Amino acid sequence: METDDRLPLSYVAQYGYCPRRAGLIMNQQLWQDNTYTAEGSFQHQRAHDHRIERRGQALTLYEFSVFSDALGLSGKCDCIEAAASPQGAALPGGELRYALYPVEYKHGPLRREPEYEQQLCAQALCLEEMYGVFIPQGALFYIRSHRRQAVEFTPALREATRQTAEALRQLWQAGSLPPPQPGPRCGKCSMKEHCQPDLPARAGGYRQKLLRELAAPAPSKEGGPE
């Protein structure tokens, strides 16, 4: 697969959050920051002051480019912790072989977000394809709470990640926009203005009102006021 055919790896989390949101960003080229996304971008920028750190036989790589032809994705890992291991990967700039542990930075308090786990798993699948190694787990690091959450790359998570990547591919090829799915997440979504998730409901209510008015019998003219 050519590089231009690969979709941004970050779209995995966008689709997991809301397929319509992913469609707006991917197929209609729309994006709008709000307080939550702007804070996240700022915290990500602060987290990437150094690209490579060396401590003894260990490396920490920031903004490391990855890709997968099998998934049709490419992007960057926020951070990869690489510990020396004879069965590990031979990394650019490294003198040894290393076991890889991807870490994805997120803002806000520690919490469980399946779409974040899929995004992290997609990074691991990319690394496995690139270096022919097995990566059993990684971590999500929540910057505000300064805590990390370990994520095991189970067969179920791997399969869910592959299915999301395929759904993204189909959505991109169709060039379509999924219907809105109004819910609690809409309130914090930076794309709410473009999405207008409650518009179909309002339009449907107006249509039903018109149908009721058309079906109602016409008022009788007999016995009316003189």
C-alpha atoms as a PDB file:
ATOM      1  CA  MET A   1       0.000   0.000   0.000  1.00  0.00           C
ATOM      2  CA  GLU A   2       1.307   3.444  -0.878  1.00  0.00           C
ATOM      3  CA  THR A   3       1.975   5.956   1.901  1.00  0.00           C
ATOM      4  CA  ASP A   4      -0.694   8.309   0.555  1.00  0.00           C
ATOM      5  CA  ASP A   5      -3.277   5.543   0.920  1.00  0.00           C
ATOM      6  CA  ARG A   6      -2.728   5.158   4.642  1.00  0.00           C
ATOM      7  CA  LEU A   7      -5.114   6.930   6.983  1.00  0.00           C
ATOM      8  CA  PRO A   8      -3.920   8.810  10.089  1.00  0.00           C
ATOM      9  CA  LEU A   9      -3.617   6.444  13.018  1.00  0.00           C
ATOM     10  CA  SER A  10      -5.347   8.970  15.286  1.00  0.00           C
ATOM     11  CA  TYR A  11      -8.594   8.393  13.356  1.00  0.00           C
ATOM     12  CA  VAL A  12      -8.930   5.089  15.223  1.00  0.00           C
ATOM     13  CA  ALA A  13      -9.767   7.012  18.401  1.00  0.00           C
ATOM     14  CA  GLN A  14     -11.946   9.480  16.501  1.00  0.00           C
ATOM     15  CA  TYR A  15     -14.044   6.639  15.052  1.00  0.00           C
ATOM     16  CA  GLY A  16     -14.266   4.934  18.437  1.00  0.00           C
ATOM     17  CA  TYR A  17     -15.515   8.158  19.984  1.00  0.00           C
ATOM     18  CA  CYS A  18     -18.113   8.666  17.242  1.00  0.00           C
ATOM     19  CA  PRO A  19     -18.218   7.395  13.616  1.00  0.00           C
ATOM     20  CA  ARG A  20     -19.910  10.628  12.494  1.00  0.00           C
ATOM     21  CA  ARG A  21     -17.130  12.694  14.066  1.00  0.00           C
ATOM     22  CA  ALA A  22     -14.571  10.617  12.139  1.00  0.00           C
ATOM     23  CA  GLY A  23     -16.558  11.159   8.934  1.00  0.00           C
ATOM     24  CA  LEU A  24     -16.668  14.923   9.443  1.00  0.00           C
ATOM     25  CA  ILE A  25     -12.916  15.078   9.981  1.00  0.00           C
ATOM     26  CA  MET A  26     -11.891  12.544   7.343  1.00  0.00           C
ATOM     27  CA  ASN A  27     -14.372  13.030   4.503  1.00  0.00           C
ATOM     28  CA  GLN A  28     -15.432  16.651   4.972  1.00  0.00           C
ATOM     29  CA  GLN A  29     -12.065  17.976   6.201  1.00  0.00           C
ATOM     30  CA  LEU A  30     -13.654  19.710   9.176  1.00  0.00           C
ATOM     31  CA  TRP A  31     -12.047  20.363  12.536  1.00  0.00           C
ATOM     32  CA  GLN A  32     -12.797  22.712  15.381  1.00  0.00           C
ATOM     33  CA  ASP A  33     -10.998  23.011  18.699  1.00  0.00           C
ATOM     34  CA  ASN A  34     -12.749  23.522  21.998  1.00  0.00           C
ATOM     35  CA  THR A  35     -11.457  23.788  25.560  1.00  0.00           C
ATOM     36  CA  TYR A  36     -10.911  20.039  25.851  1.00  0.00           C
ATOM     37  CA  THR A  37      -9.070  19.529  22.545  1.00  0.00           C
ATOM     38  CA  ALA A  38      -6.981  22.698  22.896  1.00  0.00           C
ATOM     39  CA  GLU A  39      -5.842  21.649  26.368  1.00  0.00           C
ATOM     40  CA  GLY A  40      -4.946  18.212  25.073  1.00  0.00           C
ATOM     41  CA  SER A  41      -2.883  19.639  22.204  1.00  0.00           C
ATOM     42  CA  PHE A  42      -0.995  21.956  24.567  1.00  0.00           C
ATOM     43  CA  GLN A  43      -0.211  19.133  26.986  1.00  0.00           C
ATOM     44  CA  HIS A  44       0.961  16.907  24.120  1.00  0.00           C
ATOM     45  CA  GLN A  45       3.313  19.654  22.956  1.00  0.00           C
ATOM     46  CA  ARG A  46       4.804  19.982  26.433  1.00  0.00           C
ATOM     47  CA  ALA A  47       5.310  16.220  26.609  1.00  0.00           C
ATOM     48  CA  HIS A  48       7.491  16.141  23.489  1.00  0.00           C
ATOM     49  CA  ASP A  49      10.331  18.501  24.374  1.00  0.00           C
ATOM     50  CA  HIS A  50      12.932  15.785  23.718  1.00  0.00           C
ATOM     51  CA  ARG A  51      12.856  13.272  20.888  1.00  0.00           C
ATOM     52  CA  ILE A  52      15.251  10.650  22.330  1.00  0.00           C
ATOM     53  CA  GLU A  53      16.391  10.087  25.888  1.00  0.00           C
ATOM     54  CA  ARG A  54      19.073   7.550  26.822  1.00  0.00           C
ATOM     55  CA  ARG A  55      19.437   6.022  30.257  1.00  0.00           C
ATOM     56  CA  GLY A  56      21.995   3.251  30.348  1.00  0.00           C
ATOM     57  CA  GLN A  57      20.764   0.548  27.989  1.00  0.00           C
ATOM     58  CA  ALA A  58      17.239   1.977  27.783  1.00  0.00           C
ATOM     59  CA  LEU A  59      15.837   4.423  25.261  1.00  0.00           C
ATOM     60  CA  THR A  60      12.748   6.627  25.356  1.00  0.00           C
ATOM     61  CA  LEU A  61      11.642   7.806  21.918  1.00  0.00           C
ATOM     62  CA  TYR A  62       9.114  10.597  21.400  1.00  0.00           C
ATOM     63  CA  GLU A  63       6.958  11.204  18.308  1.00  0.00           C
ATOM     64  CA  PHE A  64       8.203   8.031  16.663  1.00  0.00           C
ATOM     65  CA  SER A  65       6.760   7.477  13.168  1.00  0.00           C
ATOM     66  CA  VAL A  66       4.989   4.160  12.575  1.00  0.00           C
ATOM     67  CA  PHE A  67       2.883   2.561   9.840  1.00  0.00           C
ATOM     68  CA  SER A  68       1.021  -0.605   8.953  1.00  0.00           C
ATOM     69  CA  ASP A  69       0.117  -1.737   5.467  1.00  0.00           C
ATOM     70  CA  ALA A  70      -2.134  -4.427   6.941  1.00  0.00           C
ATOM     71  CA  LEU A  71      -4.192  -1.815   8.806  1.00  0.00           C
ATOM     72  CA  GLY A  72      -3.764   0.945   6.227  1.00  0.00           C
ATOM     73  CA  LEU A  73      -2.654   3.383   8.945  1.00  0.00           C
ATOM     74  CA  SER A  74       0.304   5.612   9.692  1.00  0.00           C
ATOM     75  CA  GLY A  75       1.117   8.138  12.388  1.00  0.00           C
ATOM     76  CA  LYS A  76       3.297   8.746  15.404  1.00  0.00           C
ATOM     77  CA  CYS A  77       3.639   7.174  18.812  1.00  0.00           C
ATOM     78  CA  ASP A  78       3.696   9.772  21.558  1.00  0.00           C
ATOM     79  CA  CYS A  79       6.333   7.763  23.379  1.00  0.00           C
ATOM     80  CA  ILE A  80       8.037   4.373  23.137  1.00  0.00           C
ATOM     81  CA  GLU A  81       9.921   3.013  26.124  1.00  0.00           C
ATOM     82  CA  ALA A  82      12.587   0.651  24.805  1.00  0.00           C
ATOM     83  CA  ALA A  83      14.402  -1.718  27.176  1.00  0.00           C
ATOM     84  CA  ALA A  84      17.363  -3.805  26.047  1.00  0.00           C
ATOM     85  CA  SER A  85      16.310  -7.324  25.059  1.00  0.00           C
ATOM     86  CA  PRO A  86      18.067  -9.893  22.832  1.00  0.00           C
ATOM     87  CA  GLN A  87      14.703 -10.835  21.262  1.00  0.00           C
ATOM     88  CA  GLY A  88      13.696  -7.225  20.691  1.00  0.00           C
ATOM     89  CA  ALA A  89      13.692  -4.819  17.755  1.00  0.00           C
ATOM     90  CA  ALA A  90      16.688  -3.126  16.168  1.00  0.00           C
ATOM     91  CA  LEU A  91      15.750   0.557  16.359  1.00  0.00           C
ATOM     92  CA  PRO A  92      17.223   3.428  14.337  1.00  0.00           C
ATOM     93  CA  GLY A  93      19.838   5.136  16.496  1.00  0.00           C
ATOM     94  CA  GLY A  94      19.964   2.257  18.959  1.00  0.00           C
ATOM     95  CA  GLU A  95      23.013   0.074  19.488  1.00  0.00           C
ATOM     96  CA  LEU A  96      21.139  -2.940  20.879  1.00  0.00           C
ATOM     97  CA  ARG A  97      17.841  -4.739  20.422  1.00  0.00           C
ATOM     98  CA  TYR A  98      14.922  -3.488  22.452  1.00  0.00           C
ATOM     99  CA  ALA A  99      11.589  -4.659  23.835  1.00  0.00           C
ATOM    100  CA  LEU A 100       9.028  -1.990  22.925  1.00  0.00           C
ATOM    101  CA  TYR A 101       6.412  -0.462  25.205  1.00  0.00           C
ATOM    102  CA  PRO A 102       4.256   2.238  23.550  1.00  0.00           C
ATOM    103  CA  VAL A 103       2.811   4.984  25.735  1.00  0.00           C
ATOM    104  CA  GLU A 104       0.034   7.310  24.560  1.00  0.00           C
ATOM    105  CA  TYR A 105      -0.466  10.658  26.316  1.00  0.00           C
ATOM    106  CA  LYS A 106      -3.970  11.846  27.148  1.00  0.00           C
ATOM    107  CA  HIS A 107      -5.168  14.862  29.115  1.00  0.00           C
ATOM    108  CA  GLY A 108      -7.696  14.807  31.907  1.00  0.00           C
ATOM    109  CA  PRO A 109      -8.132  12.408  34.826  1.00  0.00           C
ATOM    110  CA  LEU A 110      -7.399   8.686  34.743  1.00  0.00           C
ATOM    111  CA  ARG A 111     -10.338   6.880  33.148  1.00  0.00           C
ATOM    112  CA  ARG A 112     -11.269   3.957  30.925  1.00  0.00           C
ATOM    113  CA  GLU A 113     -11.756   4.897  27.269  1.00  0.00           C
ATOM    114  CA  PRO A 114     -11.987   1.942  24.818  1.00  0.00           C
ATOM    115  CA  GLU A 115     -11.170   4.137  21.813  1.00  0.00           C
ATOM    116  CA  TYR A 116      -7.894   5.205  23.453  1.00  0.00           C
ATOM    117  CA  GLU A 117      -7.017   1.557  24.042  1.00  0.00           C
ATOM    118  CA  GLN A 118      -7.649   0.800  20.370  1.00  0.00           C
ATOM    119  CA  GLN A 119      -5.473   3.730  19.300  1.00  0.00           C
ATOM    120  CA  LEU A 120      -2.649   2.447  21.501  1.00  0.00           C
ATOM    121  CA  CYS A 121      -3.157  -1.102  20.234  1.00  0.00           C
ATOM    122  CA  ALA A 122      -2.965   0.174  16.644  1.00  0.00           C
ATOM    123  CA  GLN A 123       0.439   1.666  17.470  1.00  0.00           C
ATOM    124  CA  ALA A 124       1.589  -1.694  18.816  1.00  0.00           C
ATOM    125  CA  LEU A 125       0.328  -3.498  15.692  1.00  0.00           C
ATOM    126  CA  CYS A 126       2.251  -1.029  13.540  1.00  0.00           C
ATOM    127  CA  LEU A 127       5.441  -1.646  15.507  1.00  0.00           C
ATOM    128  CA  GLU A 128       4.964  -5.395  15.356  1.00  0.00           C
ATOM    129  CA  GLU A 129       4.596  -5.250  11.575  1.00  0.00           C
ATOM    130  CA  MET A 130       7.598  -2.947  11.169  1.00  0.00           C
ATOM    131  CA  TYR A 131      10.017  -4.880  13.384  1.00  0.00           C
ATOM    132  CA  GLY A 132       8.683  -8.443  13.506  1.00  0.00           C
ATOM    133  CA  VAL A 133       8.337  -8.468  17.292  1.00  0.00           C
ATOM    134  CA  PHE A 134       5.512  -9.195  19.718  1.00  0.00           C
ATOM    135  CA  ILE A 135       4.330  -6.394  22.019  1.00  0.00           C
ATOM    136  CA  PRO A 136       2.142  -7.683  24.867  1.00  0.00           C
ATOM    137  CA  GLN A 137       1.149  -4.369  26.415  1.00  0.00           C
ATOM    138  CA  GLY A 138       1.550  -0.601  26.580  1.00  0.00           C
ATOM    139  CA  ALA A 139       0.133   2.240  28.659  1.00  0.00           C
ATOM    140  CA  LEU A 140      -2.044   5.346  28.565  1.00  0.00           C
ATOM    141  CA  PHE A 141      -0.522   8.220  30.519  1.00  0.00           C
ATOM    142  CA  TYR A 142      -2.982  10.830  31.793  1.00  0.00           C
ATOM    143  CA  ILE A 143      -1.082  14.089  32.046  1.00  0.00           C
ATOM    144  CA  ARG A 144      -3.322  16.035  34.439  1.00  0.00           C
ATOM    145  CA  SER A 145      -3.479  13.253  37.031  1.00  0.00           C
ATOM    146  CA  HIS A 146       0.107  12.193  36.245  1.00  0.00           C
ATOM    147  CA  ARG A 147      -0.868   8.539  36.294  1.00  0.00           C
ATOM    148  CA  ARG A 148      -0.628   5.740  33.782  1.00  0.00           C
ATOM    149  CA  GLN A 149      -2.994   2.922  32.964  1.00  0.00           C
ATOM    150  CA  ALA A 150      -1.530  -0.330  31.643  1.00  0.00           C
ATOM    151  CA  VAL A 151      -3.278  -1.781  28.588  1.00  0.00           C
ATOM    152  CA  GLU A 152      -2.891  -5.440  27.669  1.00  0.00           C
ATOM    153  CA  PHE A 153      -3.114  -6.118  23.956  1.00  0.00           C
ATOM    154  CA  THR A 154      -5.447  -9.084  24.195  1.00  0.00           C
ATOM    155  CA  PRO A 155      -6.702 -11.010  21.146  1.00  0.00           C
ATOM    156  CA  ALA A 156     -10.092  -9.316  21.628  1.00  0.00           C
ATOM    157  CA  LEU A 157      -8.571  -5.820  21.656  1.00  0.00           C
ATOM    158  CA  ARG A 158      -6.433  -6.618  18.628  1.00  0.00           C
ATOM    159  CA  GLU A 159      -9.455  -7.838  16.685  1.00  0.00           C
ATOM    160  CA  ALA A 160     -11.544  -4.806  17.692  1.00  0.00           C
ATOM    161  CA  THR A 161      -8.714  -2.536  16.524  1.00  0.00           C
ATOM    162  CA  ARG A 162      -8.500  -4.302  13.168  1.00  0.00           C
ATOM    163  CA  GLN A 163     -12.273  -4.011  12.736  1.00  0.00           C
ATOM    164  CA  THR A 164     -12.152  -0.278  13.475  1.00  0.00           C
ATOM    165  CA  ALA A 165      -9.339   0.188  10.953  1.00  0.00           C
ATOM    166  CA  GLU A 166     -11.411  -1.652   8.344  1.00  0.00           C
ATOM    167  CA  ALA A 167     -14.508   0.421   9.182  1.00  0.00           C
ATOM    168  CA  LEU A 168     -12.431   3.574   8.727  1.00  0.00           C
ATOM    169  CA  ARG A 169     -11.206   2.327   5.362  1.00  0.00           C
ATOM    170  CA  GLN A 170     -14.759   1.617   4.185  1.00  0.00           C
ATOM    171  CA  LEU A 171     -15.988   4.995   5.415  1.00  0.00           C
ATOM    172  CA  TRP A 172     -13.163   6.785   3.616  1.00  0.00           C
ATOM    173  CA  GLN A 173     -13.713   4.889   0.376  1.00  0.00           C
ATOM    174  CA  ALA A 174     -17.461   5.564   0.476  1.00  0.00           C
ATOM    175  CA  GLY A 175     -16.886   9.250   1.230  1.00  0.00           C
ATOM    176  CA  SER A 176     -20.055   9.154   3.290  1.00  0.00           C
ATOM    177  CA  LEU A 177     -21.125  10.678   6.599  1.00  0.00           C
ATOM    178  CA  PRO A 178     -22.689   8.372   9.212  1.00  0.00           C
ATOM    179  CA  PRO A 179     -25.960   9.534  10.769  1.00  0.00           C
ATOM    180  CA  PRO A 180     -25.758  11.321  14.142  1.00  0.00           C
ATOM    181  CA  GLN A 181     -25.951   9.308  17.337  1.00  0.00           C
ATOM    182  CA  PRO A 182     -27.007  11.831  20.006  1.00  0.00           C
ATOM    183  CA  GLY A 183     -25.703  10.998  23.462  1.00  0.00           C
ATOM    184  CA  PRO A 184     -23.834  12.285  26.521  1.00  0.00           C
ATOM    185  CA  ARG A 185     -20.574  12.671  24.587  1.00  0.00           C
ATOM    186  CA  CYS A 186     -22.081  15.267  22.250  1.00  0.00           C
ATOM    187  CA  GLY A 187     -21.862  17.949  24.941  1.00  0.00           C
ATOM    188  CA  LYS A 188     -18.047  17.841  25.025  1.00  0.00           C
ATOM    189  CA  CYS A 189     -17.511  17.232  21.318  1.00  0.00           C
ATOM    190  CA  SER A 190     -15.664  20.035  19.507  1.00  0.00           C
ATOM    191  CA  MET A 191     -17.507  19.075  16.307  1.00  0.00           C
ATOM    192  CA  LYS A 192     -21.006  19.589  17.704  1.00  0.00           C
ATOM    193  CA  GLU A 193     -21.588  22.790  15.705  1.00  0.00           C
ATOM    194  CA  HIS A 194     -20.751  21.008  12.438  1.00  0.00           C
ATOM    195  CA  CYS A 195     -22.492  17.777  13.388  1.00  0.00           C
ATOM    196  CA  GLN A 196     -25.786  19.236  14.700  1.00  0.00           C
ATOM    197  CA  PRO A 197     -26.743  15.910  16.289  1.00  0.00           C
ATOM    198  CA  ASP A 198     -30.219  17.048  17.342  1.00  0.00           C
ATOM    199  CA  LEU A 199     -31.176  18.454  13.909  1.00  0.00           C
ATOM    200  CA  PRO A 200     -32.752  15.218  12.567  1.00  0.00           C
ATOM    201  CA  ALA A 201     -34.863  14.918  15.705  1.00  0.00           C
ATOM    202  CA  ARG A 202     -36.087  18.499  15.350  1.00  0.00           C
ATOM    203  CA  ALA A 203     -36.783  17.991  11.646  1.00  0.00           C
ATOM    204  CA  GLY A 204     -38.623  14.754  12.368  1.00  0.00           C
ATOM    205  CA  GLY A 205     -40.749  16.421  15.019  1.00  0.00           C
ATOM    206  CA  TYR A 206     -41.675  19.240  12.652  1.00  0.00           C
ATOM    207  CA  ARG A 207     -42.596  16.719   9.948  1.00  0.00           C
ATOM    208  CA  GLN A 208     -44.834  14.798  12.342  1.00  0.00           C
ATOM    209  CA  LYS A 209     -46.532  18.041  13.374  1.00  0.00           C
ATOM    210  CA  LEU A 210     -47.281  18.879   9.721  1.00  0.00           C
ATOM    211  CA  LEU A 211     -48.660  15.401   9.107  1.00  0.00           C
ATOM    212  CA  ARG A 212     -50.951  15.681  12.131  1.00  0.00           C
ATOM    213  CA  GLU A 213     -52.212  19.067  10.963  1.00  0.00           C
ATOM    214  CA  LEU A 214     -52.878  17.735   7.467  1.00  0.00           C
ATOM    215  CA  ALA A 215     -54.707  14.699   8.826  1.00  0.00           C
ATOM    216  CA  ALA A 216     -56.904  16.730  11.187  1.00  0.00           C
ATOM    217  CA  PRO A 217     -60.474  17.357   9.928  1.00  0.00           C
ATOM    218  CA  ALA A 218     -61.252  20.849   8.690  1.00  0.00           C
ATOM    219  CA  PRO A 219     -63.275  22.925  11.206  1.00  0.00           C
ATOM    220  CA  SER A 220     -67.011  23.114  10.461  1.00  0.00           C
ATOM    221  CA  LYS A 221     -68.411  26.454   9.285  1.00  0.00           C
ATOM    222  CA  GLU A 222     -71.878  25.737  10.727  1.00  0.00           C
ATOM    223  CA  GLY A 223     -72.796  27.378  14.007  1.00  0.00           C
ATOM    224  CA  GLY A 224     -69.997  29.842  13.808  1.00  0.00           C
ATOM    225  CA  PRO A 225     -70.144  33.390  15.016  1.00  0.00           C
ATOM    226  CA  GLU A 226     -72.301  35.674  12.897  1.00  0.00           C
END
